[in-house]
PDB file of N, CA and C in Angstrom:
ATOM      1  N   MET A   1       0.857  -1.170   0.000  1.00  0.00           N
ATOM      2  CA  MET A   1       0.000   0.000   0.000  1.00  0.00           C
ATOM      3  C   MET A   1       0.903   1.233   0.000  1.00  0.00           C
ATOM      4  N   ASN A   2       0.732   2.067  -0.996  1.00  0.00           N
ATOM      5  CA  ASN A   2       1.585   3.262  -1.076  1.00  0.00           C
ATOM      6  C   ASN A   2       1.047   4.383  -0.205  1.00  0.00           C
ATOM      7  N   GLY A   3       1.695   5.533  -0.251  1.00  0.00           N
ATOM      8  CA  GLY A   3       1.340   6.648   0.610  1.00  0.00           C
ATOM      9  C   GLY A   3       0.118   7.434   0.176  1.00  0.00           C
ATOM     10  N   THR A   4      -0.509   7.077  -0.927  1.00  0.00           N
ATOM     11  CA  THR A   4      -1.678   7.799  -1.408  1.00  0.00           C
ATOM     12  C   THR A   4      -2.926   7.288  -0.696  1.00  0.00           C
ATOM     13  N   PRO A   5      -3.630   8.162   0.010  1.00  0.00           N
ATOM     14  CA  PRO A   5      -4.819   7.697   0.719  1.00  0.00           C
ATOM     15  C   PRO A   5      -5.934   7.315  -0.251  1.00  0.00           C
ATOM     16  N   THR A   6      -6.622   6.266   0.102  1.00  0.00           N
ATOM     17  CA  THR A   6      -7.801   5.840  -0.644  1.00  0.00           C
ATOM     18  C   THR A   6      -8.987   5.898   0.308  1.00  0.00           C
ATOM     19  N   LEU A   7     -10.161   5.740  -0.224  1.00  0.00           N
ATOM     20  CA  LEU A   7     -11.349   5.709   0.623  1.00  0.00           C
ATOM     21  C   LEU A   7     -11.244   4.565   1.629  1.00  0.00           C
ATOM     22  N   ALA A   8     -10.718   3.439   1.198  1.00  0.00           N
ATOM     23  CA  ALA A   8     -10.587   2.283   2.086  1.00  0.00           C
ATOM     24  C   ALA A   8      -9.607   2.567   3.224  1.00  0.00           C
ATOM     25  N   THR A   9      -8.464   3.181   2.926  1.00  0.00           N
ATOM     26  CA  THR A   9      -7.475   3.440   3.981  1.00  0.00           C
ATOM     27  C   THR A   9      -7.979   4.495   4.954  1.00  0.00           C
ATOM     28  N   VAL A  10      -8.591   5.536   4.440  1.00  0.00           N
ATOM     29  CA  VAL A  10      -9.127   6.591   5.304  1.00  0.00           C
ATOM     30  C   VAL A  10     -10.249   6.029   6.181  1.00  0.00           C
ATOM     31  N   THR A  11     -11.084   5.181   5.616  1.00  0.00           N
ATOM     32  CA  THR A  11     -12.173   4.574   6.375  1.00  0.00           C
ATOM     33  C   THR A  11     -11.624   3.656   7.469  1.00  0.00           C
ATOM     34  N   ALA A  12     -10.600   2.881   7.157  1.00  0.00           N
ATOM     35  CA  ALA A  12      -9.987   1.983   8.143  1.00  0.00           C
ATOM     36  C   ALA A  12      -9.424   2.779   9.311  1.00  0.00           C
ATOM     37  N   VAL A  13      -8.723   3.863   9.017  1.00  0.00           N
ATOM     38  CA  VAL A  13      -8.159   4.700  10.076  1.00  0.00           C
ATOM     39  C   VAL A  13      -9.289   5.355  10.882  1.00  0.00           C
ATOM     40  N   ALA A  14     -10.327   5.807  10.211  1.00  0.00           N
ATOM     41  CA  ALA A  14     -11.447   6.471  10.898  1.00  0.00           C
ATOM     42  C   ALA A  14     -12.164   5.511  11.845  1.00  0.00           C
ATOM     43  N   ILE A  15     -12.414   4.302  11.403  1.00  0.00           N
ATOM     44  CA  ILE A  15     -13.102   3.323  12.253  1.00  0.00           C
ATOM     45  C   ILE A  15     -12.226   2.964  13.455  1.00  0.00           C
ATOM     46  N   GLY A  16     -10.954   2.702  13.198  1.00  0.00           N
ATOM     47  CA  GLY A  16     -10.037   2.400  14.294  1.00  0.00           C
ATOM     48  C   GLY A  16      -9.903   3.564  15.255  1.00  0.00           C
ATOM     49  N   GLY A  17      -9.801   4.771  14.719  1.00  0.00           N
ATOM     50  CA  GLY A  17      -9.673   5.967  15.553  1.00  0.00           C
ATOM     51  C   GLY A  17     -10.902   6.205  16.416  1.00  0.00           C
ATOM     52  N   ALA A  18     -12.061   5.989  15.852  1.00  0.00           N
ATOM     53  CA  ALA A  18     -13.296   6.149  16.629  1.00  0.00           C
ATOM     54  C   ALA A  18     -13.326   5.143  17.775  1.00  0.00           C
ATOM     55  N   ALA A  19     -12.977   3.900  17.486  1.00  0.00           N
ATOM     56  CA  ALA A  19     -12.974   2.872  18.532  1.00  0.00           C
ATOM     57  C   ALA A  19     -11.949   3.209  19.620  1.00  0.00           C
ATOM     58  N   GLY A  20     -10.768   3.637  19.217  1.00  0.00           N
ATOM     59  CA  GLY A  20      -9.730   3.986  20.185  1.00  0.00           C
ATOM     60  C   GLY A  20     -10.128   5.159  21.058  1.00  0.00           C
ATOM     61  N   SER A  21     -10.742   6.156  20.466  1.00  0.00           N
ATOM     62  CA  SER A  21     -11.178   7.333  21.228  1.00  0.00           C
ATOM     63  C   SER A  21     -12.249   6.977  22.248  1.00  0.00           C
ATOM     64  N   VAL A  22     -13.183   6.145  21.855  1.00  0.00           N
ATOM     65  CA  VAL A  22     -14.238   5.718  22.778  1.00  0.00           C
ATOM     66  C   VAL A  22     -13.636   4.884  23.908  1.00  0.00           C
ATOM     67  N   LEU A  23     -12.711   3.985  23.566  1.00  0.00           N
ATOM     68  CA  LEU A  23     -12.053   3.185  24.606  1.00  0.00           C
ATOM     69  C   LEU A  23     -11.287   4.071  25.590  1.00  0.00           C
ATOM     70  N   ARG A  24     -10.584   5.084  25.069  1.00  0.00           N
ATOM     71  CA  ARG A  24      -9.861   6.003  25.961  1.00  0.00           C
ATOM     72  C   ARG A  24     -10.837   6.743  26.862  1.00  0.00           C
ATOM     73  N   TYR A  25     -11.919   7.218  26.307  1.00  0.00           N
ATOM     74  CA  TYR A  25     -12.930   7.934  27.089  1.00  0.00           C
ATOM     75  C   TYR A  25     -13.473   7.054  28.214  1.00  0.00           C
ATOM     76  N   LEU A  26     -13.834   5.815  27.874  1.00  0.00           N
ATOM     77  CA  LEU A  26     -14.384   4.910  28.879  1.00  0.00           C
ATOM     78  C   LEU A  26     -13.345   4.545  29.941  1.00  0.00           C
ATOM     79  N   ALA A  27     -12.124   4.287  29.519  1.00  0.00           N
ATOM     80  CA  ALA A  27     -11.054   3.964  30.469  1.00  0.00           C
ATOM     81  C   ALA A  27     -10.799   5.137  31.403  1.00  0.00           C
ATOM     82  N   THR A  28     -10.809   6.335  30.866  1.00  0.00           N
ATOM     83  CA  THR A  28     -10.602   7.530  31.694  1.00  0.00           C
ATOM     84  C   THR A  28     -11.727   7.690  32.708  1.00  0.00           C
ATOM     85  N   LEU A  29     -12.955   7.452  32.277  1.00  0.00           N
ATOM     86  CA  LEU A  29     -14.090   7.541  33.207  1.00  0.00           C
ATOM     87  C   LEU A  29     -13.949   6.546  34.346  1.00  0.00           C
ATOM     88  N   LEU A  30     -13.488   5.362  34.048  1.00  0.00           N
ATOM     89  CA  LEU A  30     -13.345   4.327  35.074  1.00  0.00           C
ATOM     90  C   LEU A  30     -12.240   4.648  36.068  1.00  0.00           C
ATOM     91  N   MET A  31     -11.178   5.311  35.597  1.00  0.00           N
ATOM     92  CA  MET A  31     -10.018   5.547  36.453  1.00  0.00           C
ATOM     93  C   MET A  31      -9.966   6.918  37.112  1.00  0.00           C
ATOM     94  N   THR A  32     -10.585   7.920  36.533  1.00  0.00           N
ATOM     95  CA  THR A  32     -10.418   9.295  36.996  1.00  0.00           C
ATOM     96  C   THR A  32     -10.781   9.532  38.461  1.00  0.00           C
ATOM     97  N   PRO A  33     -11.888   9.026  38.983  1.00  0.00           N
ATOM     98  CA  PRO A  33     -12.190   9.323  40.388  1.00  0.00           C
ATOM     99  C   PRO A  33     -11.080   8.873  41.351  1.00  0.00           C
ATOM    100  N   ALA A  34     -10.419   7.787  41.028  1.00  0.00           N
ATOM    101  CA  ALA A  34      -9.378   7.271  41.919  1.00  0.00           C
ATOM    102  C   ALA A  34      -8.022   7.934  41.683  1.00  0.00           C
ATOM    103  N   THR A  35      -7.895   8.700  40.607  1.00  0.00           N
ATOM    104  CA  THR A  35      -6.578   9.234  40.245  1.00  0.00           C
ATOM    105  C   THR A  35      -6.593  10.746  40.069  1.00  0.00           C
ATOM    106  N   ALA A  36      -7.459  11.441  40.776  1.00  0.00           N
ATOM    107  CA  ALA A  36      -7.610  12.880  40.569  1.00  0.00           C
ATOM    108  C   ALA A  36      -6.351  13.674  40.933  1.00  0.00           C
ATOM    109  N   ALA A  37      -5.548  13.201  41.877  1.00  0.00           N
ATOM    110  CA  ALA A  37      -4.367  13.954  42.320  1.00  0.00           C
ATOM    111  C   ALA A  37      -3.187  13.822  41.359  1.00  0.00           C
ATOM    112  N   PHE A  38      -3.215  12.816  40.507  1.00  0.00           N
ATOM    113  CA  PHE A  38      -2.129  12.561  39.559  1.00  0.00           C
ATOM    114  C   PHE A  38      -2.769  12.002  38.298  1.00  0.00           C
ATOM    115  N   PRO A  39      -2.316  12.410  37.111  1.00  0.00           N
ATOM    116  CA  PRO A  39      -2.954  11.956  35.862  1.00  0.00           C
ATOM    117  C   PRO A  39      -2.623  10.503  35.513  1.00  0.00           C
ATOM    118  N   LEU A  40      -2.961   9.603  36.435  1.00  0.00           N
ATOM    119  CA  LEU A  40      -2.648   8.188  36.264  1.00  0.00           C
ATOM    120  C   LEU A  40      -3.412   7.570  35.101  1.00  0.00           C
ATOM    121  N   ALA A  41      -4.633   8.005  34.884  1.00  0.00           N
ATOM    122  CA  ALA A  41      -5.433   7.433  33.794  1.00  0.00           C
ATOM    123  C   ALA A  41      -4.730   7.633  32.456  1.00  0.00           C
ATOM    124  N   THR A  42      -4.302   8.841  32.173  1.00  0.00           N
ATOM    125  CA  THR A  42      -3.620   9.109  30.904  1.00  0.00           C
ATOM    126  C   THR A  42      -2.305   8.350  30.828  1.00  0.00           C
ATOM    127  N   LEU A  43      -1.579   8.293  31.932  1.00  0.00           N
ATOM    128  CA  LEU A  43      -0.323   7.551  31.967  1.00  0.00           C
ATOM    129  C   LEU A  43      -0.555   6.083  31.619  1.00  0.00           C
ATOM    130  N   LEU A  44      -1.513   5.448  32.276  1.00  0.00           N
ATOM    131  CA  LEU A  44      -1.776   4.027  32.030  1.00  0.00           C
ATOM    132  C   LEU A  44      -2.285   3.777  30.612  1.00  0.00           C
ATOM    133  N   ILE A  45      -3.131   4.663  30.132  1.00  0.00           N
ATOM    134  CA  ILE A  45      -3.645   4.528  28.767  1.00  0.00           C
ATOM    135  C   ILE A  45      -2.500   4.645  27.765  1.00  0.00           C
ATOM    136  N   ASN A  46      -1.629   5.619  27.942  1.00  0.00           N
ATOM    137  CA  ASN A  46      -0.524   5.804  27.007  1.00  0.00           C
ATOM    138  C   ASN A  46       0.474   4.651  27.066  1.00  0.00           C
ATOM    139  N   VAL A  47       0.717   4.109  28.245  1.00  0.00           N
ATOM    140  CA  VAL A  47       1.619   2.966  28.374  1.00  0.00           C
ATOM    141  C   VAL A  47       0.999   1.734  27.706  1.00  0.00           C
ATOM    142  N   ALA A  48      -0.276   1.491  27.961  1.00  0.00           N
ATOM    143  CA  ALA A  48      -0.955   0.357  27.329  1.00  0.00           C
ATOM    144  C   ALA A  48      -0.969   0.508  25.808  1.00  0.00           C
ATOM    145  N   GLY A  49      -1.242   1.708  25.343  1.00  0.00           N
ATOM    146  CA  GLY A  49      -1.251   1.958  23.900  1.00  0.00           C
ATOM    147  C   GLY A  49       0.130   1.797  23.281  1.00  0.00           C
ATOM    148  N   SER A  50       1.176   2.173  24.010  1.00  0.00           N
ATOM    149  CA  SER A  50       2.542   2.004  23.515  1.00  0.00           C
ATOM    150  C   SER A  50       2.888   0.526  23.381  1.00  0.00           C
ATOM    151  N   PHE A  51       2.486  -0.268  24.375  1.00  0.00           N
ATOM    152  CA  PHE A  51       2.701  -1.711  24.291  1.00  0.00           C
ATOM    153  C   PHE A  51       1.965  -2.284  23.084  1.00  0.00           C
ATOM    154  N   LEU A  52       0.692  -1.930  22.950  1.00  0.00           N
ATOM    155  CA  LEU A  52      -0.117  -2.454  21.852  1.00  0.00           C
ATOM    156  C   LEU A  52       0.454  -2.052  20.497  1.00  0.00           C
ATOM    157  N   LEU A  53       0.893  -0.811  20.377  1.00  0.00           N
ATOM    158  CA  LEU A  53       1.465  -0.371  19.108  1.00  0.00           C
ATOM    159  C   LEU A  53       2.752  -1.129  18.793  1.00  0.00           C
ATOM    160  N   GLY A  54       3.598  -1.349  19.798  1.00  0.00           N
ATOM    161  CA  GLY A  54       4.805  -2.141  19.577  1.00  0.00           C
ATOM    162  C   GLY A  54       4.466  -3.549  19.130  1.00  0.00           C
ATOM    163  N   LEU A  55       3.509  -4.181  19.799  1.00  0.00           N
ATOM    164  CA  LEU A  55       3.087  -5.535  19.458  1.00  0.00           C
ATOM    165  C   LEU A  55       2.519  -5.601  18.048  1.00  0.00           C
ATOM    166  N   LEU A  56       1.609  -4.694  17.735  1.00  0.00           N
ATOM    167  CA  LEU A  56       0.988  -4.692  16.410  1.00  0.00           C
ATOM    168  C   LEU A  56       1.996  -4.381  15.313  1.00  0.00           C
ATOM    169  N   SER A  57       2.926  -3.487  15.588  1.00  0.00           N
ATOM    170  CA  SER A  57       3.951  -3.161  14.594  1.00  0.00           C
ATOM    171  C   SER A  57       4.751  -4.401  14.224  1.00  0.00           C
ATOM    172  N   ARG A  58       5.084  -5.197  15.210  1.00  0.00           N
ATOM    173  CA  ARG A  58       5.830  -6.425  14.959  1.00  0.00           C
ATOM    174  C   ARG A  58       4.956  -7.445  14.222  1.00  0.00           C
ATOM    175  N   LEU A  59       3.700  -7.577  14.649  1.00  0.00           N
ATOM    176  CA  LEU A  59       2.817  -8.563  14.029  1.00  0.00           C
ATOM    177  C   LEU A  59       2.490  -8.224  12.578  1.00  0.00           C
ATOM    178  N   PHE A  60       2.471  -6.945  12.258  1.00  0.00           N
ATOM    179  CA  PHE A  60       2.116  -6.532  10.904  1.00  0.00           C
ATOM    180  C   PHE A  60       3.329  -6.162  10.050  1.00  0.00           C
ATOM    181  N   ASP A  61       4.535  -6.563  10.461  1.00  0.00           N
ATOM    182  CA  ASP A  61       5.705  -6.160   9.671  1.00  0.00           C
ATOM    183  C   ASP A  61       5.966  -7.068   8.470  1.00  0.00           C
ATOM    184  N   ALA A  62       5.227  -8.147   8.338  1.00  0.00           N
ATOM    185  CA  ALA A  62       5.375  -9.024   7.175  1.00  0.00           C
ATOM    186  C   ALA A  62       4.780  -8.351   5.943  1.00  0.00           C
ATOM    187  N   PRO A  63       5.444  -8.493   4.790  1.00  0.00           N
ATOM    188  CA  PRO A  63       4.941  -7.833   3.573  1.00  0.00           C
ATOM    189  C   PRO A  63       3.558  -8.306   3.149  1.00  0.00           C
ATOM    190  N   ASP A  64       3.176  -9.515   3.537  1.00  0.00           N
ATOM    191  CA  ASP A  64       1.873 -10.042   3.119  1.00  0.00           C
ATOM    192  C   ASP A  64       0.767  -9.780   4.151  1.00  0.00           C
ATOM    193  N   SER A  65       1.050  -8.960   5.172  1.00  0.00           N
ATOM    194  CA  SER A  65       0.031  -8.684   6.194  1.00  0.00           C
ATOM    195  C   SER A  65      -1.051  -7.764   5.624  1.00  0.00           C
ATOM    196  N   ASN A  66      -2.206  -7.822   6.239  1.00  0.00           N
ATOM    197  CA  ASN A  66      -3.350  -7.017   5.812  1.00  0.00           C
ATOM    198  C   ASN A  66      -3.101  -5.555   6.184  1.00  0.00           C
ATOM    199  N   GLN A  67      -2.808  -4.746   5.180  1.00  0.00           N
ATOM    200  CA  GLN A  67      -2.434  -3.359   5.438  1.00  0.00           C
ATOM    201  C   GLN A  67      -3.603  -2.486   5.878  1.00  0.00           C
ATOM    202  N   LEU A  68      -4.812  -2.808   5.456  1.00  0.00           N
ATOM    203  CA  LEU A  68      -5.971  -2.049   5.940  1.00  0.00           C
ATOM    204  C   LEU A  68      -6.196  -2.319   7.431  1.00  0.00           C
ATOM    205  N   LEU A  69      -6.053  -3.577   7.826  1.00  0.00           N
ATOM    206  CA  LEU A  69      -6.195  -3.907   9.243  1.00  0.00           C
ATOM    207  C   LEU A  69      -5.065  -3.275  10.044  1.00  0.00           C
ATOM    208  N   ARG A  70      -3.855  -3.278   9.502  1.00  0.00           N
ATOM    209  CA  ARG A  70      -2.716  -2.635  10.171  1.00  0.00           C
ATOM    210  C   ARG A  70      -3.004  -1.155  10.409  1.00  0.00           C
ATOM    211  N   LEU A  71      -3.470  -0.466   9.391  1.00  0.00           N
ATOM    212  CA  LEU A  71      -3.800   0.957   9.540  1.00  0.00           C
ATOM    213  C   LEU A  71      -4.928   1.178  10.545  1.00  0.00           C
ATOM    214  N   ALA A  72      -5.944   0.332  10.495  1.00  0.00           N
ATOM    215  CA  ALA A  72      -7.073   0.473  11.414  1.00  0.00           C
ATOM    216  C   ALA A  72      -6.622   0.311  12.859  1.00  0.00           C
ATOM    217  N   LEU A  73      -5.719  -0.653  13.106  1.00  0.00           N
ATOM    218  CA  LEU A  73      -5.317  -0.946  14.477  1.00  0.00           C
ATOM    219  C   LEU A  73      -4.179  -0.068  14.977  1.00  0.00           C
ATOM    220  N   THR A  74      -3.228   0.278  14.114  1.00  0.00           N
ATOM    221  CA  THR A  74      -2.076   1.072  14.574  1.00  0.00           C
ATOM    222  C   THR A  74      -2.386   2.562  14.522  1.00  0.00           C
ATOM    223  N   THR A  75      -2.540   3.097  13.342  1.00  0.00           N
ATOM    224  CA  THR A  75      -2.808   4.529  13.202  1.00  0.00           C
ATOM    225  C   THR A  75      -4.168   4.896  13.788  1.00  0.00           C
ATOM    226  N   GLY A  76      -5.178   4.063  13.535  1.00  0.00           N
ATOM    227  CA  GLY A  76      -6.520   4.352  14.009  1.00  0.00           C
ATOM    228  C   GLY A  76      -6.711   4.079  15.487  1.00  0.00           C
ATOM    229  N   LEU A  77      -6.764   2.798  15.862  1.00  0.00           N
ATOM    230  CA  LEU A  77      -7.061   2.413  17.242  1.00  0.00           C
ATOM    231  C   LEU A  77      -6.030   2.956  18.232  1.00  0.00           C
ATOM    232  N   CYS A  78      -4.755   2.677  17.994  1.00  0.00           N
ATOM    233  CA  CYS A  78      -3.721   3.142  18.936  1.00  0.00           C
ATOM    234  C   CYS A  78      -3.614   4.663  18.934  1.00  0.00           C
ATOM    235  N   GLY A  79      -3.751   5.273  17.757  1.00  0.00           N
ATOM    236  CA  GLY A  79      -3.704   6.731  17.671  1.00  0.00           C
ATOM    237  C   GLY A  79      -4.873   7.389  18.383  1.00  0.00           C
ATOM    238  N   GLY A  80      -6.046   6.785  18.302  1.00  0.00           N
ATOM    239  CA  GLY A  80      -7.213   7.327  18.992  1.00  0.00           C
ATOM    240  C   GLY A  80      -7.196   7.037  20.480  1.00  0.00           C
ATOM    241  N   PHE A  81      -6.588   5.920  20.863  1.00  0.00           N
ATOM    242  CA  PHE A  81      -6.552   5.515  22.272  1.00  0.00           C
ATOM    243  C   PHE A  81      -5.531   6.318  23.062  1.00  0.00           C
ATOM    244  N   THR A  82      -4.341   6.484  22.521  1.00  0.00           N
ATOM    245  CA  THR A  82      -3.299   7.222  23.226  1.00  0.00           C
ATOM    246  C   THR A  82      -3.468   8.716  22.984  1.00  0.00           C
ATOM    247  N   THR A  83      -2.824   9.524  23.826  1.00  0.00           N
ATOM    248  CA  THR A  83      -3.047  10.960  23.703  1.00  0.00           C
ATOM    249  C   THR A  83      -1.864  11.773  24.214  1.00  0.00           C
ATOM    250  N   PHE A  84      -1.092  12.287  23.292  1.00  0.00           N
ATOM    251  CA  PHE A  84       0.019  13.158  23.655  1.00  0.00           C
ATOM    252  C   PHE A  84      -0.488  14.536  24.071  1.00  0.00           C
ATOM    253  N   SER A  85      -1.560  14.977  23.462  1.00  0.00           N
ATOM    254  CA  SER A  85      -2.078  16.310  23.780  1.00  0.00           C
ATOM    255  C   SER A  85      -2.592  16.376  25.216  1.00  0.00           C
ATOM    256  N   THR A  86      -3.261  15.338  25.685  1.00  0.00           N
ATOM    257  CA  THR A  86      -3.733  15.334  27.070  1.00  0.00           C
ATOM    258  C   THR A  86      -2.550  15.262  28.026  1.00  0.00           C
ATOM    259  N   PHE A  87      -1.559  14.446  27.698  1.00  0.00           N
ATOM    260  CA  PHE A  87      -0.331  14.377  28.496  1.00  0.00           C
ATOM    261  C   PHE A  87       0.289  15.776  28.615  1.00  0.00           C
ATOM    262  N   SER A  88       0.390  16.483  27.507  1.00  0.00           N
ATOM    263  CA  SER A  88       0.985  17.824  27.505  1.00  0.00           C
ATOM    264  C   SER A  88       0.175  18.796  28.348  1.00  0.00           C
ATOM    265  N   ALA A  89      -1.136  18.795  28.159  1.00  0.00           N
ATOM    266  CA  ALA A  89      -2.000  19.714  28.911  1.00  0.00           C
ATOM    267  C   ALA A  89      -1.972  19.396  30.401  1.00  0.00           C
ATOM    268  N   GLU A  90      -1.995  18.120  30.755  1.00  0.00           N
ATOM    269  CA  GLU A  90      -1.961  17.753  32.171  1.00  0.00           C
ATOM    270  C   GLU A  90      -0.624  18.132  32.811  1.00  0.00           C
ATOM    271  N   THR A  91       0.449  17.976  32.064  1.00  0.00           N
ATOM    272  CA  THR A  91       1.767  18.362  32.577  1.00  0.00           C
ATOM    273  C   THR A  91       1.810  19.868  32.841  1.00  0.00           C
ATOM    274  N   LEU A  92       1.332  20.648  31.899  1.00  0.00           N
ATOM    275  CA  LEU A  92       1.310  22.101  32.082  1.00  0.00           C
ATOM    276  C   LEU A  92       0.413  22.504  33.242  1.00  0.00           C
ATOM    277  N   LEU A  93      -0.705  21.839  33.406  1.00  0.00           N
ATOM    278  CA  LEU A  93      -1.601  22.132  34.518  1.00  0.00           C
ATOM    279  C   LEU A  93      -0.914  21.853  35.860  1.00  0.00           C
ATOM    280  N   LEU A  94      -0.221  20.729  35.944  1.00  0.00           N
ATOM    281  CA  LEU A  94       0.521  20.429  37.173  1.00  0.00           C
ATOM    282  C   LEU A  94       1.552  21.521  37.460  1.00  0.00           C
ATOM    283  N   LEU A  95       2.242  21.975  36.432  1.00  0.00           N
ATOM    284  CA  LEU A  95       3.235  23.040  36.609  1.00  0.00           C
ATOM    285  C   LEU A  95       2.576  24.341  37.045  1.00  0.00           C
ATOM    286  N   GLN A  96       1.440  24.685  36.443  1.00  0.00           N
ATOM    287  CA  GLN A  96       0.730  25.910  36.810  1.00  0.00           C
ATOM    288  C   GLN A  96       0.207  25.845  38.242  1.00  0.00           C
ATOM    289  N   GLN A  97      -0.087  24.654  38.724  1.00  0.00           N
ATOM    290  CA  GLN A  97      -0.572  24.477  40.090  1.00  0.00           C
ATOM    291  C   GLN A  97       0.578  24.418  41.101  1.00  0.00           C
ATOM    292  N   GLY A  98       1.795  24.556  40.605  1.00  0.00           N
ATOM    293  CA  GLY A  98       2.948  24.502  41.484  1.00  0.00           C
ATOM    294  C   GLY A  98       3.347  23.092  41.892  1.00  0.00           C
ATOM    295  N   ARG A  99       2.839  22.113  41.205  1.00  0.00           N
ATOM    296  CA  ARG A  99       3.153  20.712  41.500  1.00  0.00           C
ATOM    297  C   ARG A  99       4.300  20.233  40.599  1.00  0.00           C
ATOM    298  N   THR A 100       5.415  20.897  40.714  1.00  0.00           N
ATOM    299  CA  THR A 100       6.563  20.633  39.842  1.00  0.00           C
ATOM    300  C   THR A 100       7.051  19.198  39.985  1.00  0.00           C
ATOM    301  N   GLY A 101       7.132  18.699  41.193  1.00  0.00           N
ATOM    302  CA  GLY A 101       7.584  17.320  41.411  1.00  0.00           C
ATOM    303  C   GLY A 101       6.696  16.313  40.716  1.00  0.00           C
ATOM    304  N   ARG A 102       5.388  16.520  40.809  1.00  0.00           N
ATOM    305  CA  ARG A 102       4.448  15.613  40.127  1.00  0.00           C
ATOM    306  C   ARG A 102       4.588  15.725  38.612  1.00  0.00           C
ATOM    307  N   ALA A 103       4.783  16.939  38.126  1.00  0.00           N
ATOM    308  CA  ALA A 103       4.947  17.130  36.679  1.00  0.00           C
ATOM    309  C   ALA A 103       6.194  16.403  36.184  1.00  0.00           C
ATOM    310  N   VAL A 104       7.301  16.557  36.898  1.00  0.00           N
ATOM    311  CA  VAL A 104       8.548  15.886  36.504  1.00  0.00           C
ATOM    312  C   VAL A 104       8.373  14.368  36.578  1.00  0.00           C
ATOM    313  N   ALA A 105       7.718  13.894  37.628  1.00  0.00           N
ATOM    314  CA  ALA A 105       7.476  12.457  37.760  1.00  0.00           C
ATOM    315  C   ALA A 105       6.594  11.954  36.613  1.00  0.00           C
ATOM    316  N   TYR A 106       5.588  12.730  36.255  1.00  0.00           N
ATOM    317  CA  TYR A 106       4.678  12.362  35.161  1.00  0.00           C
ATOM    318  C   TYR A 106       5.437  12.267  33.842  1.00  0.00           C
ATOM    319  N   ILE A 107       6.283  13.245  33.583  1.00  0.00           N
ATOM    320  CA  ILE A 107       7.081  13.227  32.360  1.00  0.00           C
ATOM    321  C   ILE A 107       8.009  12.020  32.348  1.00  0.00           C
ATOM    322  N   ALA A 108       8.733  11.814  33.447  1.00  0.00           N
ATOM    323  CA  ALA A 108       9.700  10.715  33.521  1.00  0.00           C
ATOM    324  C   ALA A 108       9.006   9.353  33.403  1.00  0.00           C
ATOM    325  N   LEU A 109       7.909   9.189  34.127  1.00  0.00           N
ATOM    326  CA  LEU A 109       7.181   7.917  34.053  1.00  0.00           C
ATOM    327  C   LEU A 109       6.592   7.683  32.669  1.00  0.00           C
ATOM    328  N   SER A 110       6.044   8.737  32.068  1.00  0.00           N
ATOM    329  CA  SER A 110       5.447   8.592  30.733  1.00  0.00           C
ATOM    330  C   SER A 110       6.485   8.148  29.714  1.00  0.00           C
ATOM    331  N   LEU A 111       7.639   8.795  29.733  1.00  0.00           N
ATOM    332  CA  LEU A 111       8.683   8.432  28.770  1.00  0.00           C
ATOM    333  C   LEU A 111       9.263   7.049  29.053  1.00  0.00           C
ATOM    334  N   THR A 112       9.619   6.810  30.287  1.00  0.00           N
ATOM    335  CA  THR A 112      10.254   5.542  30.639  1.00  0.00           C
ATOM    336  C   THR A 112       9.309   4.359  30.435  1.00  0.00           C
ATOM    337  N   LEU A 113       8.126   4.457  30.999  1.00  0.00           N
ATOM    338  CA  LEU A 113       7.172   3.353  30.887  1.00  0.00           C
ATOM    339  C   LEU A 113       6.644   3.200  29.463  1.00  0.00           C
ATOM    340  N   GLY A 114       6.428   4.318  28.774  1.00  0.00           N
ATOM    341  CA  GLY A 114       5.942   4.249  27.394  1.00  0.00           C
ATOM    342  C   GLY A 114       6.949   3.595  26.462  1.00  0.00           C
ATOM    343  N   LEU A 115       8.207   4.016  26.560  1.00  0.00           N
ATOM    344  CA  LEU A 115       9.247   3.408  25.722  1.00  0.00           C
ATOM    345  C   LEU A 115       9.465   1.946  26.106  1.00  0.00           C
ATOM    346  N   GLY A 116       9.454   1.671  27.399  1.00  0.00           N
ATOM    347  CA  GLY A 116       9.604   0.288  27.850  1.00  0.00           C
ATOM    348  C   GLY A 116       8.467  -0.597  27.368  1.00  0.00           C
ATOM    349  N   ALA A 117       7.254  -0.079  27.431  1.00  0.00           N
ATOM    350  CA  ALA A 117       6.090  -0.849  26.980  1.00  0.00           C
ATOM    351  C   ALA A 117       6.141  -1.100  25.474  1.00  0.00           C
ATOM    352  N   ALA A 118       6.554  -0.099  24.715  1.00  0.00           N
ATOM    353  CA  ALA A 118       6.683  -0.281  23.256  1.00  0.00           C
ATOM    354  C   ALA A 118       7.743  -1.337  22.950  1.00  0.00           C
ATOM    355  N   ALA A 119       8.863  -1.276  23.649  1.00  0.00           N
ATOM    356  CA  ALA A 119       9.933  -2.271  23.445  1.00  0.00           C
ATOM    357  C   ALA A 119       9.446  -3.668  23.825  1.00  0.00           C
ATOM    358  N   LEU A 120       8.707  -3.757  24.920  1.00  0.00           N
ATOM    359  CA  LEU A 120       8.158  -5.051  25.341  1.00  0.00           C
ATOM    360  C   LEU A 120       7.180  -5.583  24.296  1.00  0.00           C
ATOM    361  N   GLY A 121       6.336  -4.713  23.766  1.00  0.00           N
ATOM    362  CA  GLY A 121       5.402  -5.124  22.728  1.00  0.00           C
ATOM    363  C   GLY A 121       6.109  -5.641  21.490  1.00  0.00           C
ATOM    364  N   LEU A 122       7.180  -4.956  21.080  1.00  0.00           N
ATOM    365  CA  LEU A 122       7.961  -5.424  19.943  1.00  0.00           C
ATOM    366  C   LEU A 122       8.578  -6.786  20.228  1.00  0.00           C
ATOM    367  N   THR A 123       9.055  -6.977  21.451  1.00  0.00           N
ATOM    368  CA  THR A 123       9.681  -8.246  21.828  1.00  0.00           C
ATOM    369  C   THR A 123       8.653  -9.369  21.872  1.00  0.00           C
ATOM    370  N   VAL A 124       7.512  -9.120  22.490  1.00  0.00           N
ATOM    371  CA  VAL A 124       6.461 -10.136  22.588  1.00  0.00           C
ATOM    372  C   VAL A 124       5.939 -10.505  21.199  1.00  0.00           C
ATOM    373  N   GLY A 125       5.882  -9.540  20.316  1.00  0.00           N
ATOM    374  CA  GLY A 125       5.362  -9.778  18.974  1.00  0.00           C
ATOM    375  C   GLY A 125       6.338 -10.456  18.021  1.00  0.00           C
ATOM    376  N   ARG A 126       7.570 -10.647  18.463  1.00  0.00           N
ATOM    377  CA  ARG A 126       8.568 -11.312  17.615  1.00  0.00           C
ATOM    378  C   ARG A 126       8.131 -12.718  17.301  1.00  0.00           C
ATOM    379  N   LYS A 127       8.352 -13.108  16.057  1.00  0.00           N
ATOM    380  CA  LYS A 127       7.904 -14.447  15.621  1.00  0.00           C
ATOM    381  C   LYS A 127       8.923 -15.497  15.936  1.00  0.00           C
TER     382      LYS A 127
END
């Protein structure tokens, strides 16, 4: 599949993205009351999404893999599920509230756990 979008590729990404966004919304609703002092919901969602993206990237790296399904699950589902913009806004909010230690911890945990989860996903997905 080349870089030119088709109706099929755009539709696959849209369906995956819608599903990922709804899953993120529901996961956030389930976790937010217990994690109001620290943005744990976004952290856990981003770490889980990083693992899933690593796993799917490995599973779909074969040339004969279904590229529409790959786009739906990686760009769509994982892209809709994870959220860099919320991470950024929450970090800035912590800083504005004078919670510098929490902001630094959030940044460090997000990067460390996210990269670790992606690496683990790639490893688990190895054939």
